[in-house]
């Protein structure tokens, strides 16, 4: 029902945009800097403006989609999120830290999905408060033009987690 994206770079902005645009779900983008969050939201705004100018989106639809996007530099609002997709650089310690932070800030059933392309998901899940709720969700770049995502469970990922991200 509600999605978070950690990391407001190119991948994070793309993941946030396709989630708002295709899945019609609200997205909360988190980064360590407000300017990065602003760029991610601007990325969606520009893509939606292109759809609006080509009449693929109405003015009401444009405003509805923008209203689904929010941003932050802390975990405020994460207790309401169902799935959080991490899209930061490939650093195992950072990803493990984020799993712990998200699972602490979440509502107990929050799924942590890593967009990693090189780190084993089981290593990211090791030491997590709830490793069964950790899964890989690898989007391909550029996200908006590659309608493909790889779902990567580890041996301990709960079946309902896989079903949810599918």
C-alpha atoms as a PDB file:
ATOM      1  CA  UNK A   1       0.000   0.000   0.000  1.00  0.00           C
ATOM      2  CA  UNK A   2       2.875   2.396   0.788  1.00  0.00           C
ATOM      3  CA  UNK A   3       6.458   2.326  -0.443  1.00  0.00           C
ATOM      4  CA  UNK A   4       9.693   3.950   0.664  1.00  0.00           C
ATOM      5  CA  UNK A   5      12.851   4.448  -1.358  1.00  0.00           C
ATOM      6  CA  UNK A   6      16.235   4.903   0.313  1.00  0.00           C
ATOM      7  CA  UNK A   7      18.618   6.859  -1.872  1.00  0.00           C
ATOM      8  CA  UNK A   8      17.534   9.677  -4.152  1.00  0.00           C
ATOM      9  CA  UNK A   9      20.096   9.208  -6.896  1.00  0.00           C
ATOM     10  CA  UNK A  10      19.354   8.103 -10.450  1.00  0.00           C
ATOM     11  CA  UNK A  11      18.116   4.626  -9.473  1.00  0.00           C
ATOM     12  CA  UNK A  12      16.178   5.777  -6.414  1.00  0.00           C
ATOM     13  CA  UNK A  13      14.486   8.574  -8.363  1.00  0.00           C
ATOM     14  CA  UNK A  14      13.579   6.132 -11.145  1.00  0.00           C
ATOM     15  CA  UNK A  15      12.204   3.539  -8.718  1.00  0.00           C
ATOM     16  CA  UNK A  16      10.147   6.214  -6.947  1.00  0.00           C
ATOM     17  CA  UNK A  17       8.793   7.482 -10.258  1.00  0.00           C
ATOM     18  CA  UNK A  18       7.717   4.117 -11.680  1.00  0.00           C
ATOM     19  CA  UNK A  19       6.119   3.205  -8.360  1.00  0.00           C
ATOM     20  CA  UNK A  20       4.042   6.393  -8.395  1.00  0.00           C
ATOM     21  CA  UNK A  21       3.358   6.301 -12.131  1.00  0.00           C
ATOM     22  CA  UNK A  22       2.748   2.602 -12.816  1.00  0.00           C
ATOM     23  CA  UNK A  23       1.685   1.153  -9.461  1.00  0.00           C
ATOM     24  CA  UNK A  24      -0.153   4.330  -8.347  1.00  0.00           C
ATOM     25  CA  UNK A  25       1.235   3.897  -4.825  1.00  0.00           C
ATOM     26  CA  UNK A  26       2.423   6.633  -2.480  1.00  0.00           C
ATOM     27  CA  UNK A  27       6.209   6.836  -2.162  1.00  0.00           C
ATOM     28  CA  UNK A  28       8.396   8.402   0.517  1.00  0.00           C
ATOM     29  CA  UNK A  29      11.940   9.108  -0.706  1.00  0.00           C
ATOM     30  CA  UNK A  30      14.711   9.319   1.902  1.00  0.00           C
ATOM     31  CA  UNK A  31      18.231  10.558   1.437  1.00  0.00           C
ATOM     32  CA  UNK A  32      20.781  12.240   3.675  1.00  0.00           C
ATOM     33  CA  UNK A  33      20.368  15.643   1.972  1.00  0.00           C
ATOM     34  CA  UNK A  34      17.303  17.697   1.102  1.00  0.00           C
ATOM     35  CA  UNK A  35      18.735  18.729  -2.269  1.00  0.00           C
ATOM     36  CA  UNK A  36      18.973  15.067  -3.300  1.00  0.00           C
ATOM     37  CA  UNK A  37      15.362  14.448  -2.224  1.00  0.00           C
ATOM     38  CA  UNK A  38      14.291  17.550  -4.169  1.00  0.00           C
ATOM     39  CA  UNK A  39      16.067  16.276  -7.306  1.00  0.00           C
ATOM     40  CA  UNK A  40      14.308  12.906  -7.063  1.00  0.00           C
ATOM     41  CA  UNK A  41      10.908  14.571  -6.757  1.00  0.00           C
ATOM     42  CA  UNK A  42      11.792  16.942  -9.616  1.00  0.00           C
ATOM     43  CA  UNK A  43      12.688  13.907 -11.713  1.00  0.00           C
ATOM     44  CA  UNK A  44       9.123  12.618 -11.332  1.00  0.00           C
ATOM     45  CA  UNK A  45       7.635  16.070 -11.822  1.00  0.00           C
ATOM     46  CA  UNK A  46       9.455  16.474 -15.145  1.00  0.00           C
ATOM     47  CA  UNK A  47       8.474  12.996 -16.360  1.00  0.00           C
ATOM     48  CA  UNK A  48       4.843  13.644 -15.424  1.00  0.00           C
ATOM     49  CA  UNK A  49       4.928  17.057 -17.121  1.00  0.00           C
ATOM     50  CA  UNK A  50       6.051  15.340 -20.334  1.00  0.00           C
ATOM     51  CA  UNK A  51       3.074  12.973 -20.071  1.00  0.00           C
ATOM     52  CA  UNK A  52       0.801  15.943 -19.406  1.00  0.00           C
ATOM     53  CA  UNK A  53       2.117  17.864 -22.433  1.00  0.00           C
ATOM     54  CA  UNK A  54       1.572  14.797 -24.654  1.00  0.00           C
ATOM     55  CA  UNK A  55      -1.970  14.430 -23.239  1.00  0.00           C
ATOM     56  CA  UNK A  56      -1.197  10.991 -21.799  1.00  0.00           C
ATOM     57  CA  UNK A  57      -2.071  12.400 -18.396  1.00  0.00           C
ATOM     58  CA  UNK A  58      -4.768  14.850 -17.356  1.00  0.00           C
ATOM     59  CA  UNK A  59      -4.105  17.854 -15.126  1.00  0.00           C
ATOM     60  CA  UNK A  60      -5.970  16.059 -12.316  1.00  0.00           C
ATOM     61  CA  UNK A  61      -3.914  12.892 -12.879  1.00  0.00           C
ATOM     62  CA  UNK A  62      -0.713  14.941 -12.842  1.00  0.00           C
ATOM     63  CA  UNK A  63      -1.616  16.522  -9.495  1.00  0.00           C
ATOM     64  CA  UNK A  64      -2.725  13.172  -8.027  1.00  0.00           C
ATOM     65  CA  UNK A  65       0.557  11.540  -8.954  1.00  0.00           C
ATOM     66  CA  UNK A  66       2.653  14.384  -7.555  1.00  0.00           C
ATOM     67  CA  UNK A  67       0.647  14.263  -4.325  1.00  0.00           C
ATOM     68  CA  UNK A  68       1.764  10.634  -3.886  1.00  0.00           C
ATOM     69  CA  UNK A  69       5.418  11.705  -3.579  1.00  0.00           C
ATOM     70  CA  UNK A  70       7.021  12.888  -0.379  1.00  0.00           C
ATOM     71  CA  UNK A  71      10.572  13.113   0.864  1.00  0.00           C
ATOM     72  CA  UNK A  72      12.606  13.223   4.054  1.00  0.00           C
ATOM     73  CA  UNK A  73      16.110  13.002   5.487  1.00  0.00           C
ATOM     74  CA  UNK A  74      15.107  10.843   8.465  1.00  0.00           C
ATOM     75  CA  UNK A  75      12.815   7.881   9.039  1.00  0.00           C
ATOM     76  CA  UNK A  76       9.740   9.958   9.866  1.00  0.00           C
ATOM     77  CA  UNK A  77       6.714   8.287   8.280  1.00  0.00           C
ATOM     78  CA  UNK A  78       8.434   4.923   7.802  1.00  0.00           C
ATOM     79  CA  UNK A  79       6.233   3.268  10.434  1.00  0.00           C
ATOM     80  CA  UNK A  80       3.442   3.335   7.811  1.00  0.00           C
ATOM     81  CA  UNK A  81       5.432   1.831   4.930  1.00  0.00           C
ATOM     82  CA  UNK A  82       4.911  -1.725   3.732  1.00  0.00           C
ATOM     83  CA  UNK A  83       7.936  -2.042   1.426  1.00  0.00           C
ATOM     84  CA  UNK A  84      11.170  -0.054   1.501  1.00  0.00           C
ATOM     85  CA  UNK A  85      13.469  -0.317  -1.521  1.00  0.00           C
ATOM     86  CA  UNK A  86      17.095   0.538  -0.891  1.00  0.00           C
ATOM     87  CA  UNK A  87      18.950   2.083  -3.833  1.00  0.00           C
ATOM     88  CA  UNK A  88      22.283   3.247  -2.425  1.00  0.00           C
ATOM     89  CA  UNK A  89      25.849   2.427  -3.425  1.00  0.00           C
ATOM     90  CA  UNK A  90      27.218  -1.098  -3.025  1.00  0.00           C
ATOM     91  CA  UNK A  91      28.443  -1.060   0.577  1.00  0.00           C
ATOM     92  CA  UNK A  92      27.513  -4.129   2.635  1.00  0.00           C
ATOM     93  CA  UNK A  93      27.918  -2.407   6.021  1.00  0.00           C
ATOM     94  CA  UNK A  94      25.702   0.494   4.911  1.00  0.00           C
ATOM     95  CA  UNK A  95      23.018  -1.841   3.574  1.00  0.00           C
ATOM     96  CA  UNK A  96      23.027  -3.877   6.803  1.00  0.00           C
ATOM     97  CA  UNK A  97      22.727  -0.668   8.800  1.00  0.00           C
ATOM     98  CA  UNK A  98      19.776   0.395   6.651  1.00  0.00           C
ATOM     99  CA  UNK A  99      18.016  -2.947   7.164  1.00  0.00           C
ATOM    100  CA  UNK A 100      18.293  -2.506  10.931  1.00  0.00           C
ATOM    101  CA  UNK A 101      17.102   1.117  10.774  1.00  0.00           C
ATOM    102  CA  UNK A 102      14.166   0.360   8.482  1.00  0.00           C
ATOM    103  CA  UNK A 103      13.054  -2.664  10.473  1.00  0.00           C
ATOM    104  CA  UNK A 104      13.274  -0.628  13.689  1.00  0.00           C
ATOM    105  CA  UNK A 105      11.372   2.327  12.198  1.00  0.00           C
ATOM    106  CA  UNK A 106       8.797   0.115  10.414  1.00  0.00           C
ATOM    107  CA  UNK A 107       5.613  -1.463  11.714  1.00  0.00           C
ATOM    108  CA  UNK A 108       6.961  -4.973  12.246  1.00  0.00           C
ATOM    109  CA  UNK A 109       5.952  -6.314   8.852  1.00  0.00           C
ATOM    110  CA  UNK A 110       7.902  -3.847   6.710  1.00  0.00           C
ATOM    111  CA  UNK A 111       9.734  -5.527   3.837  1.00  0.00           C
ATOM    112  CA  UNK A 112      13.294  -4.405   3.115  1.00  0.00           C
ATOM    113  CA  UNK A 113      14.108  -4.819  -0.581  1.00  0.00           C
ATOM    114  CA  UNK A 114      17.650  -4.196  -1.779  1.00  0.00           C
ATOM    115  CA  UNK A 115      18.331  -3.010  -5.314  1.00  0.00           C
ATOM    116  CA  UNK A 116      21.844  -4.444  -5.102  1.00  0.00           C
ATOM    117  CA  UNK A 117      23.370  -5.807  -8.264  1.00  0.00           C
ATOM    118  CA  UNK A 118      26.429  -7.433  -6.745  1.00  0.00           C
ATOM    119  CA  UNK A 119      26.013  -8.239  -3.052  1.00  0.00           C
ATOM    120  CA  UNK A 120      24.401 -11.522  -1.973  1.00  0.00           C
ATOM    121  CA  UNK A 121      21.013 -10.904  -0.348  1.00  0.00           C
ATOM    122  CA  UNK A 122      21.747 -13.446   2.393  1.00  0.00           C
ATOM    123  CA  UNK A 123      24.748 -11.326   3.440  1.00  0.00           C
ATOM    124  CA  UNK A 124      22.585  -8.197   3.607  1.00  0.00           C
ATOM    125  CA  UNK A 125      20.002 -10.107   5.684  1.00  0.00           C
ATOM    126  CA  UNK A 126      22.581 -11.522   8.143  1.00  0.00           C
ATOM    127  CA  UNK A 127      22.129  -9.915  11.530  1.00  0.00           C
ATOM    128  CA  UNK A 128      18.880  -8.199  10.519  1.00  0.00           C
ATOM    129  CA  UNK A 129      16.188  -7.990  13.210  1.00  0.00           C
ATOM    130  CA  UNK A 130      13.886  -9.946  10.837  1.00  0.00           C
ATOM    131  CA  UNK A 131      15.910 -11.555   8.015  1.00  0.00           C
ATOM    132  CA  UNK A 132      12.783 -13.275   6.630  1.00  0.00           C
ATOM    133  CA  UNK A 133      11.554  -9.835   5.528  1.00  0.00           C
ATOM    134  CA  UNK A 134      14.657  -9.068   3.409  1.00  0.00           C
ATOM    135  CA  UNK A 135      14.644  -9.639  -0.344  1.00  0.00           C
ATOM    136  CA  UNK A 136      16.490  -8.457  -3.426  1.00  0.00           C
ATOM    137  CA  UNK A 137      14.548  -6.314  -5.875  1.00  0.00           C
ATOM    138  CA  UNK A 138      16.976  -5.415  -8.628  1.00  0.00           C
ATOM    139  CA  UNK A 139      15.639  -2.838 -11.077  1.00  0.00           C
ATOM    140  CA  UNK A 140      17.379  -2.387 -14.411  1.00  0.00           C
ATOM    141  CA  UNK A 141      18.592   0.996 -15.630  1.00  0.00           C
ATOM    142  CA  UNK A 142      17.162   3.266 -16.817  1.00  0.00           C
ATOM    143  CA  UNK A 143      14.237   2.261 -14.619  1.00  0.00           C
ATOM    144  CA  UNK A 144      11.562   4.098 -16.630  1.00  0.00           C
ATOM    145  CA  UNK A 145      12.631   2.476 -19.903  1.00  0.00           C
ATOM    146  CA  UNK A 146      13.406  -1.051 -18.672  1.00  0.00           C
ATOM    147  CA  UNK A 147      10.164  -2.623 -17.392  1.00  0.00           C
ATOM    148  CA  UNK A 148      12.093  -5.424 -15.761  1.00  0.00           C
ATOM    149  CA  UNK A 149      12.892  -6.228 -12.154  1.00  0.00           C
ATOM    150  CA  UNK A 150      14.705  -9.234 -10.740  1.00  0.00           C
ATOM    151  CA  UNK A 151      13.301 -10.664  -7.498  1.00  0.00           C
ATOM    152  CA  UNK A 152      16.050 -12.324  -5.453  1.00  0.00           C
ATOM    153  CA  UNK A 153      15.055 -14.117  -2.243  1.00  0.00           C
ATOM    154  CA  UNK A 154      17.636 -15.683   0.041  1.00  0.00           C
ATOM    155  CA  UNK A 155      17.026 -19.083   1.623  1.00  0.00           C
ATOM    156  CA  UNK A 156      15.297 -17.520   4.631  1.00  0.00           C
ATOM    157  CA  UNK A 157      13.060 -15.016   2.814  1.00  0.00           C
ATOM    158  CA  UNK A 158       9.416 -15.582   3.761  1.00  0.00           C
ATOM    159  CA  UNK A 159       7.147 -16.700   0.870  1.00  0.00           C
ATOM    160  CA  UNK A 160       4.702 -13.837   1.540  1.00  0.00           C
ATOM    161  CA  UNK A 161       7.581 -11.357   1.120  1.00  0.00           C
ATOM    162  CA  UNK A 162       8.325 -12.763  -2.328  1.00  0.00           C
ATOM    163  CA  UNK A 163       4.612 -12.692  -3.211  1.00  0.00           C
ATOM    164  CA  UNK A 164       4.291  -9.078  -2.086  1.00  0.00           C
ATOM    165  CA  UNK A 165       7.209  -7.767  -4.117  1.00  0.00           C
ATOM    166  CA  UNK A 166       6.118  -9.764  -7.150  1.00  0.00           C
END
